Amino acid sequence: MQILFILLAAVLIICTVIFALQNLLPAVTKNSKKSSQHRQRIRELENTLEEKDQTINNQNERVRYLENHLPGGQGSSESGQSS
């Protein structure tokens, strides 16, 4: 009788675990996929930001070069800027 009770309890536990996994696994899989997509999007945005920063730095260097090599020197471009 005791063996029957243990066997029945084991079957009940196994069924409960299977039921719980069926309800939890889709959510876990969905969240994992979304998290992976978010990480990929963050990497893309960081790369874009890095490219934009490099472009800005290149343009700033170009402006400094032009300010130093155009007639009139540095003061000519600052007169049009407001503080």
PDB file of N, CA and C in Angstrom:
ATOM      1  N   MET A   1       0.826  -1.186   0.000  1.00  0.00           N
ATOM      2  CA  MET A   1       0.000   0.000   0.000  1.00  0.00           C
ATOM      3  C   MET A   1       0.877   1.260   0.000  1.00  0.00           C
ATOM      4  N   GLN A   2       1.954   1.201   0.786  1.00  0.00           N
ATOM      5  CA  GLN A   2       2.839   2.357   0.877  1.00  0.00           C
ATOM      6  C   GLN A   2       3.542   2.592  -0.461  1.00  0.00           C
ATOM      7  N   ILE A   3       3.892   1.539  -1.170  1.00  0.00           N
ATOM      8  CA  ILE A   3       4.540   1.678  -2.473  1.00  0.00           C
ATOM      9  C   ILE A   3       3.574   2.324  -3.468  1.00  0.00           C
ATOM     10  N   LEU A   4       2.314   1.959  -3.421  1.00  0.00           N
ATOM     11  CA  LEU A   4       1.301   2.542  -4.286  1.00  0.00           C
ATOM     12  C   LEU A   4       1.167   4.044  -4.016  1.00  0.00           C
ATOM     13  N   PHE A   5       1.197   4.426  -2.758  1.00  0.00           N
ATOM     14  CA  PHE A   5       1.101   5.836  -2.379  1.00  0.00           C
ATOM     15  C   PHE A   5       2.313   6.614  -2.902  1.00  0.00           C
ATOM     16  N   ILE A   6       3.498   6.067  -2.757  1.00  0.00           N
ATOM     17  CA  ILE A   6       4.725   6.717  -3.238  1.00  0.00           C
ATOM     18  C   ILE A   6       4.689   6.838  -4.761  1.00  0.00           C
ATOM     19  N   LEU A   7       4.242   5.788  -5.439  1.00  0.00           N
ATOM     20  CA  LEU A   7       4.148   5.808  -6.889  1.00  0.00           C
ATOM     21  C   LEU A   7       3.143   6.853  -7.366  1.00  0.00           C
ATOM     22  N   LEU A   8       2.003   6.919  -6.704  1.00  0.00           N
ATOM     23  CA  LEU A   8       0.990   7.915  -7.033  1.00  0.00           C
ATOM     24  C   LEU A   8       1.507   9.342  -6.782  1.00  0.00           C
ATOM     25  N   ALA A   9       2.223   9.552  -5.689  1.00  0.00           N
ATOM     26  CA  ALA A   9       2.796  10.863  -5.376  1.00  0.00           C
ATOM     27  C   ALA A   9       3.837  11.248  -6.432  1.00  0.00           C
ATOM     28  N   ALA A  10       4.644  10.292  -6.867  1.00  0.00           N
ATOM     29  CA  ALA A  10       5.660  10.563  -7.880  1.00  0.00           C
ATOM     30  C   ALA A  10       5.007  10.954  -9.202  1.00  0.00           C
ATOM     31  N   VAL A  11       3.958  10.241  -9.582  1.00  0.00           N
ATOM     32  CA  VAL A  11       3.240  10.562 -10.817  1.00  0.00           C
ATOM     33  C   VAL A  11       2.625  11.961 -10.716  1.00  0.00           C
ATOM     34  N   LEU A  12       2.044  12.279  -9.568  1.00  0.00           N
ATOM     35  CA  LEU A  12       1.453  13.597  -9.358  1.00  0.00           C
ATOM     36  C   LEU A  12       2.513  14.697  -9.432  1.00  0.00           C
ATOM     37  N   ILE A  13       3.651  14.460  -8.851  1.00  0.00           N
ATOM     38  CA  ILE A  13       4.748  15.448  -8.900  1.00  0.00           C
ATOM     39  C   ILE A  13       5.233  15.636 -10.329  1.00  0.00           C
ATOM     40  N   ILE A  14       5.404  14.544 -11.050  1.00  0.00           N
ATOM     41  CA  ILE A  14       5.853  14.624 -12.445  1.00  0.00           C
ATOM     42  C   ILE A  14       4.838  15.396 -13.292  1.00  0.00           C
ATOM     43  N   CYS A  15       3.561  15.110 -13.106  1.00  0.00           N
ATOM     44  CA  CYS A  15       2.514  15.827 -13.852  1.00  0.00           C
ATOM     45  C   CYS A  15       2.519  17.322 -13.504  1.00  0.00           C
ATOM     46  N   THR A  16       2.723  17.632 -12.238  1.00  0.00           N
ATOM     47  CA  THR A  16       2.766  19.035 -11.814  1.00  0.00           C
ATOM     48  C   THR A  16       3.951  19.751 -12.442  1.00  0.00           C
ATOM     49  N   VAL A  17       5.096  19.103 -12.461  1.00  0.00           N
ATOM     50  CA  VAL A  17       6.290  19.703 -13.066  1.00  0.00           C
ATOM     51  C   VAL A  17       6.085  19.917 -14.562  1.00  0.00           C
ATOM     52  N   ILE A  18       5.527  18.939 -15.243  1.00  0.00           N
ATOM     53  CA  ILE A  18       5.273  19.071 -16.684  1.00  0.00           C
ATOM     54  C   ILE A  18       4.302  20.218 -16.945  1.00  0.00           C
ATOM     55  N   PHE A  19       3.240  20.293 -16.147  1.00  0.00           N
ATOM     56  CA  PHE A  19       2.262  21.379 -16.303  1.00  0.00           C
ATOM     57  C   PHE A  19       2.918  22.741 -16.080  1.00  0.00           C
ATOM     58  N   ALA A  20       3.741  22.849 -15.062  1.00  0.00           N
ATOM     59  CA  ALA A  20       4.406  24.117 -14.763  1.00  0.00           C
ATOM     60  C   ALA A  20       5.363  24.510 -15.896  1.00  0.00           C
ATOM     61  N   LEU A  21       6.110  23.549 -16.419  1.00  0.00           N
ATOM     62  CA  LEU A  21       7.034  23.843 -17.509  1.00  0.00           C
ATOM     63  C   LEU A  21       6.300  24.281 -18.771  1.00  0.00           C
ATOM     64  N   GLN A  22       5.177  23.663 -19.046  1.00  0.00           N
ATOM     65  CA  GLN A  22       4.405  24.051 -20.223  1.00  0.00           C
ATOM     66  C   GLN A  22       3.912  25.492 -20.104  1.00  0.00           C
ATOM     67  N   ASN A  23       3.605  25.929 -18.906  1.00  0.00           N
ATOM     68  CA  ASN A  23       3.130  27.296 -18.702  1.00  0.00           C
ATOM     69  C   ASN A  23       4.280  28.298 -18.600  1.00  0.00           C
ATOM     70  N   LEU A  24       5.470  27.910 -18.123  1.00  0.00           N
ATOM     71  CA  LEU A  24       6.583  28.840 -17.914  1.00  0.00           C
ATOM     72  C   LEU A  24       7.511  28.944 -19.093  1.00  0.00           C
ATOM     73  N   LEU A  25       7.775  27.844 -19.805  1.00  0.00           N
ATOM     74  CA  LEU A  25       8.770  27.858 -20.873  1.00  0.00           C
ATOM     75  C   LEU A  25       8.475  28.848 -22.002  1.00  0.00           C
ATOM     76  N   PRO A  26       7.243  28.971 -22.492  1.00  0.00           N
ATOM     77  CA  PRO A  26       7.002  29.956 -23.555  1.00  0.00           C
ATOM     78  C   PRO A  26       7.355  31.386 -23.122  1.00  0.00           C
ATOM     79  N   ALA A  27       7.035  31.737 -21.900  1.00  0.00           N
ATOM     80  CA  ALA A  27       7.346  33.088 -21.413  1.00  0.00           C
ATOM     81  C   ALA A  27       8.858  33.278 -21.298  1.00  0.00           C
ATOM     82  N   VAL A  28       9.543  32.273 -20.804  1.00  0.00           N
ATOM     83  CA  VAL A  28      10.999  32.362 -20.671  1.00  0.00           C
ATOM     84  C   VAL A  28      11.644  32.481 -22.042  1.00  0.00           C
ATOM     85  N   THR A  29      11.194  31.688 -22.987  1.00  0.00           N
ATOM     86  CA  THR A  29      11.730  31.731 -24.341  1.00  0.00           C
ATOM     87  C   THR A  29      11.470  33.086 -24.989  1.00  0.00           C
ATOM     88  N   LYS A  30      10.250  33.593 -24.821  1.00  0.00           N
ATOM     89  CA  LYS A  30       9.897  34.892 -25.386  1.00  0.00           C
ATOM     90  C   LYS A  30      10.760  35.999 -24.779  1.00  0.00           C
ATOM     91  N   ASN A  31      10.909  35.982 -23.458  1.00  0.00           N
ATOM     92  CA  ASN A  31      11.726  37.004 -22.801  1.00  0.00           C
ATOM     93  C   ASN A  31      13.185  36.916 -23.208  1.00  0.00           C
ATOM     94  N   SER A  32      13.691  35.715 -23.357  1.00  0.00           N
ATOM     95  CA  SER A  32      15.072  35.529 -23.783  1.00  0.00           C
ATOM     96  C   SER A  32      15.285  36.071 -25.189  1.00  0.00           C
ATOM     97  N   LYS A  33      14.336  35.802 -26.072  1.00  0.00           N
ATOM     98  CA  LYS A  33      14.433  36.289 -27.445  1.00  0.00           C
ATOM     99  C   LYS A  33      14.379  37.813 -27.475  1.00  0.00           C
ATOM    100  N   LYS A  34      13.465  38.404 -26.709  1.00  0.00           N
ATOM    101  CA  LYS A  34      13.360  39.862 -26.665  1.00  0.00           C
ATOM    102  C   LYS A  34      14.633  40.483 -26.098  1.00  0.00           C
ATOM    103  N   SER A  35      15.175  39.865 -25.069  1.00  0.00           N
ATOM    104  CA  SER A  35      16.400  40.365 -24.464  1.00  0.00           C
ATOM    105  C   SER A  35      17.545  40.331 -25.470  1.00  0.00           C
ATOM    106  N   SER A  36      17.630  39.275 -26.227  1.00  0.00           N
ATOM    107  CA  SER A  36      18.664  39.152 -27.247  1.00  0.00           C
ATOM    108  C   SER A  36      18.488  40.218 -28.323  1.00  0.00           C
ATOM    109  N   GLN A  37      17.256  40.460 -28.731  1.00  0.00           N
ATOM    110  CA  GLN A  37      16.989  41.495 -29.733  1.00  0.00           C
ATOM    111  C   GLN A  37      17.360  42.875 -29.200  1.00  0.00           C
ATOM    112  N   HIS A  38      17.061  43.123 -27.928  1.00  0.00           N
ATOM    113  CA  HIS A  38      17.405  44.413 -27.324  1.00  0.00           C
ATOM    114  C   HIS A  38      18.925  44.601 -27.253  1.00  0.00           C
ATOM    115  N   ARG A  39      19.645  43.554 -26.885  1.00  0.00           N
ATOM    116  CA  ARG A  39      21.107  43.649 -26.844  1.00  0.00           C
ATOM    117  C   ARG A  39      21.677  43.942 -28.231  1.00  0.00           C
ATOM    118  N   GLN A  40      21.133  43.294 -29.252  1.00  0.00           N
ATOM    119  CA  GLN A  40      21.581  43.530 -30.625  1.00  0.00           C
ATOM    120  C   GLN A  40      21.294  44.972 -31.029  1.00  0.00           C
ATOM    121  N   ARG A  41      20.115  45.478 -30.699  1.00  0.00           N
ATOM    122  CA  ARG A  41      19.755  46.861 -31.048  1.00  0.00           C
ATOM    123  C   ARG A  41      20.666  47.857 -30.319  1.00  0.00           C
ATOM    124  N   ILE A  42      21.001  47.572 -29.080  1.00  0.00           N
ATOM    125  CA  ILE A  42      21.915  48.432 -28.323  1.00  0.00           C
ATOM    126  C   ILE A  42      23.284  48.465 -28.997  1.00  0.00           C
ATOM    127  N   ARG A  43      23.782  47.306 -29.433  1.00  0.00           N
ATOM    128  CA  ARG A  43      25.071  47.261 -30.134  1.00  0.00           C
ATOM    129  C   ARG A  43      25.016  48.093 -31.422  1.00  0.00           C
ATOM    130  N   GLU A  44      23.919  47.968 -32.160  1.00  0.00           N
ATOM    131  CA  GLU A  44      23.775  48.746 -33.394  1.00  0.00           C
ATOM    132  C   GLU A  44      23.774  50.242 -33.094  1.00  0.00           C
ATOM    133  N   LEU A  45      23.039  50.648 -32.072  1.00  0.00           N
ATOM    134  CA  LEU A  45      22.969  52.063 -31.718  1.00  0.00           C
ATOM    135  C   LEU A  45      24.308  52.588 -31.214  1.00  0.00           C
ATOM    136  N   GLU A  46      25.023  51.771 -30.452  1.00  0.00           N
ATOM    137  CA  GLU A  46      26.352  52.176 -29.989  1.00  0.00           C
ATOM    138  C   GLU A  46      27.303  52.357 -31.164  1.00  0.00           C
ATOM    139  N   ASN A  47      27.228  51.459 -32.152  1.00  0.00           N
ATOM    140  CA  ASN A  47      28.077  51.590 -33.340  1.00  0.00           C
ATOM    141  C   ASN A  47      27.727  52.852 -34.121  1.00  0.00           C
ATOM    142  N   THR A  48      26.441  53.127 -34.267  1.00  0.00           N
ATOM    143  CA  THR A  48      26.008  54.333 -34.960  1.00  0.00           C
ATOM    144  C   THR A  48      26.497  55.574 -34.226  1.00  0.00           C
ATOM    145  N   LEU A  49      26.372  55.564 -32.909  1.00  0.00           N
ATOM    146  CA  LEU A  49      26.832  56.697 -32.112  1.00  0.00           C
ATOM    147  C   LEU A  49      28.337  56.905 -32.275  1.00  0.00           C
ATOM    148  N   GLU A  50      29.086  55.818 -32.269  1.00  0.00           N
ATOM    149  CA  GLU A  50      30.533  55.906 -32.441  1.00  0.00           C
ATOM    150  C   GLU A  50      30.880  56.495 -33.810  1.00  0.00           C
ATOM    151  N   GLU A  51      30.157  56.064 -34.841  1.00  0.00           N
ATOM    152  CA  GLU A  51      30.391  56.607 -36.182  1.00  0.00           C
ATOM    153  C   GLU A  51      30.076  58.101 -36.224  1.00  0.00           C
ATOM    154  N   LYS A  52      28.979  58.507 -35.601  1.00  0.00           N
ATOM    155  CA  LYS A  52      28.595  59.926 -35.578  1.00  0.00           C
ATOM    156  C   LYS A  52      29.626  60.750 -34.810  1.00  0.00           C
ATOM    157  N   ASP A  53      30.100  60.221 -33.692  1.00  0.00           N
ATOM    158  CA  ASP A  53      31.136  60.919 -32.922  1.00  0.00           C
ATOM    159  C   ASP A  53      32.406  61.094 -33.747  1.00  0.00           C
ATOM    160  N   GLN A  54      32.778  60.061 -34.489  1.00  0.00           N
ATOM    161  CA  GLN A  54      33.970  60.141 -35.336  1.00  0.00           C
ATOM    162  C   GLN A  54      33.773  61.182 -36.436  1.00  0.00           C
ATOM    163  N   THR A  55      32.586  61.222 -37.027  1.00  0.00           N
ATOM    164  CA  THR A  55      32.290  62.217 -38.055  1.00  0.00           C
ATOM    165  C   THR A  55      32.384  63.621 -37.487  1.00  0.00           C
ATOM    166  N   ILE A  56      31.835  63.823 -36.300  1.00  0.00           N
ATOM    167  CA  ILE A  56      31.894  65.135 -35.647  1.00  0.00           C
ATOM    168  C   ILE A  56      33.342  65.524 -35.370  1.00  0.00           C
ATOM    169  N   ASN A  57      34.125  64.594 -34.856  1.00  0.00           N
ATOM    170  CA  ASN A  57      35.537  64.875 -34.586  1.00  0.00           C
ATOM    171  C   ASN A  57      36.285  65.230 -35.871  1.00  0.00           C
ATOM    172  N   ASN A  58      36.007  64.491 -36.945  1.00  0.00           N
ATOM    173  CA  ASN A  58      36.654  64.788 -38.224  1.00  0.00           C
ATOM    174  C   ASN A  58      36.264  66.173 -38.727  1.00  0.00           C
ATOM    175  N   GLN A  59      35.000  66.506 -38.582  1.00  0.00           N
ATOM    176  CA  GLN A  59      34.543  67.822 -39.033  1.00  0.00           C
ATOM    177  C   GLN A  59      35.155  68.940 -38.178  1.00  0.00           C
ATOM    178  N   ASN A  60      35.261  68.705 -36.867  1.00  0.00           N
ATOM    179  CA  ASN A  60      35.898  69.702 -36.001  1.00  0.00           C
ATOM    180  C   ASN A  60      37.362  69.915 -36.377  1.00  0.00           C
ATOM    181  N   GLU A  61      38.067  68.831 -36.700  1.00  0.00           N
ATOM    182  CA  GLU A  61      39.456  68.951 -37.145  1.00  0.00           C
ATOM    183  C   GLU A  61      39.538  69.723 -38.460  1.00  0.00           C
ATOM    184  N   ARG A  62      38.608  69.471 -39.344  1.00  0.00           N
ATOM    185  CA  ARG A  62      38.582  70.168 -40.626  1.00  0.00           C
ATOM    186  C   ARG A  62      38.338  71.666 -40.421  1.00  0.00           C
ATOM    187  N   VAL A  63      37.408  72.009 -39.522  1.00  0.00           N
ATOM    188  CA  VAL A  63      37.127  73.412 -39.229  1.00  0.00           C
ATOM    189  C   VAL A  63      38.367  74.083 -38.657  1.00  0.00           C
ATOM    190  N   ARG A  64      39.029  73.419 -37.699  1.00  0.00           N
ATOM    191  CA  ARG A  64      40.247  74.002 -37.129  1.00  0.00           C
ATOM    192  C   ARG A  64      41.321  74.209 -38.201  1.00  0.00           C
ATOM    193  N   TYR A  65      41.466  73.217 -39.076  1.00  0.00           N
ATOM    194  CA  TYR A  65      42.448  73.337 -40.148  1.00  0.00           C
ATOM    195  C   TYR A  65      42.124  74.540 -41.039  1.00  0.00           C
ATOM    196  N   LEU A  66      40.862  74.638 -41.434  1.00  0.00           N
ATOM    197  CA  LEU A  66      40.459  75.730 -42.316  1.00  0.00           C
ATOM    198  C   LEU A  66      40.610  77.084 -41.634  1.00  0.00           C
ATOM    199  N   GLU A  67      40.274  77.143 -40.349  1.00  0.00           N
ATOM    200  CA  GLU A  67      40.432  78.401 -39.612  1.00  0.00           C
ATOM    201  C   GLU A  67      41.892  78.842 -39.587  1.00  0.00           C
ATOM    202  N   ASN A  68      42.790  77.910 -39.489  1.00  0.00           N
ATOM    203  CA  ASN A  68      44.219  78.224 -39.401  1.00  0.00           C
ATOM    204  C   ASN A  68      44.860  78.479 -40.765  1.00  0.00           C
ATOM    205  N   HIS A  69      44.252  77.991 -41.838  1.00  0.00           N
ATOM    206  CA  HIS A  69      44.888  78.091 -43.144  1.00  0.00           C
ATOM    207  C   HIS A  69      44.176  79.034 -44.117  1.00  0.00           C
ATOM    208  N   LEU A  70      43.032  79.549 -43.755  1.00  0.00           N
ATOM    209  CA  LEU A  70      42.354  80.509 -44.620  1.00  0.00           C
ATOM    210  C   LEU A  70      42.842  81.921 -44.302  1.00  0.00           C
ATOM    211  N   PRO A  71      42.776  82.811 -45.268  1.00  0.00           N
ATOM    212  CA  PRO A  71      43.164  84.198 -44.987  1.00  0.00           C
ATOM    213  C   PRO A  71      42.270  84.785 -43.901  1.00  0.00           C
ATOM    214  N   GLY A  72      42.842  85.540 -43.020  1.00  0.00           N
ATOM    215  CA  GLY A  72      42.088  86.130 -41.921  1.00  0.00           C
ATOM    216  C   GLY A  72      42.282  85.401 -40.613  1.00  0.00           C
ATOM    217  N   GLY A  73      42.793  84.184 -40.641  1.00  0.00           N
ATOM    218  CA  GLY A  73      43.097  83.445 -39.409  1.00  0.00           C
ATOM    219  C   GLY A  73      41.860  82.976 -38.662  1.00  0.00           C
ATOM    220  N   GLN A  74      41.994  82.801 -37.345  1.00  0.00           N
ATOM    221  CA  GLN A  74      40.934  82.216 -36.529  1.00  0.00           C
ATOM    222  C   GLN A  74      39.777  83.166 -36.279  1.00  0.00           C
ATOM    223  N   GLY A  75      40.002  84.445 -36.246  1.00  0.00           N
ATOM    224  CA  GLY A  75      38.966  85.384 -35.858  1.00  0.00           C
ATOM    225  C   GLY A  75      37.836  85.518 -36.848  1.00  0.00           C
ATOM    226  N   SER A  76      38.034  85.133 -38.115  1.00  0.00           N
ATOM    227  CA  SER A  76      37.013  85.381 -39.126  1.00  0.00           C
ATOM    228  C   SER A  76      35.764  84.538 -38.929  1.00  0.00           C
ATOM    229  N   SER A  77      35.874  83.305 -38.462  1.00  0.00           N
ATOM    230  CA  SER A  77      34.693  82.453 -38.317  1.00  0.00           C
ATOM    231  C   SER A  77      33.980  82.667 -37.002  1.00  0.00           C
ATOM    232  N   GLU A  78      34.643  83.227 -36.005  1.00  0.00           N
ATOM    233  CA  GLU A  78      34.024  83.405 -34.705  1.00  0.00           C
ATOM    234  C   GLU A  78      33.080  84.597 -34.669  1.00  0.00           C
ATOM    235  N   SER A  79      33.200  85.529 -35.623  1.00  0.00           N
ATOM    236  CA  SER A  79      32.357  86.724 -35.594  1.00  0.00           C
ATOM    237  C   SER A  79      30.906  86.380 -35.870  1.00  0.00           C
ATOM    238  N   GLY A  80      30.620  85.299 -36.570  1.00  0.00           N
ATOM    239  CA  GLY A  80      29.258  84.911 -36.865  1.00  0.00           C
ATOM    240  C   GLY A  80      28.613  84.072 -35.786  1.00  0.00           C
ATOM    241  N   GLN A  81      29.370  83.646 -34.786  1.00  0.00           N
ATOM    242  CA  GLN A  81      28.824  82.797 -33.729  1.00  0.00           C
ATOM    243  C   GLN A  81      28.291  83.641 -32.599  1.00  0.00           C
ATOM    244  N   SER A  82      27.202  83.157 -31.966  1.00  0.00           N
ATOM    245  CA  SER A  82      26.668  83.857 -30.796  1.00  0.00           C
ATOM    246  C   SER A  82      26.903  83.024 -29.564  1.00  0.00           C
ATOM    247  N   SER A  83      27.041  83.670 -28.420  1.00  0.00           N
ATOM    248  CA  SER A  83      27.313  82.954 -27.178  1.00  0.00           C
ATOM    249  C   SER A  83      26.049  82.644 -26.441  1.00  0.00           C
TER     250      SER A  83
END
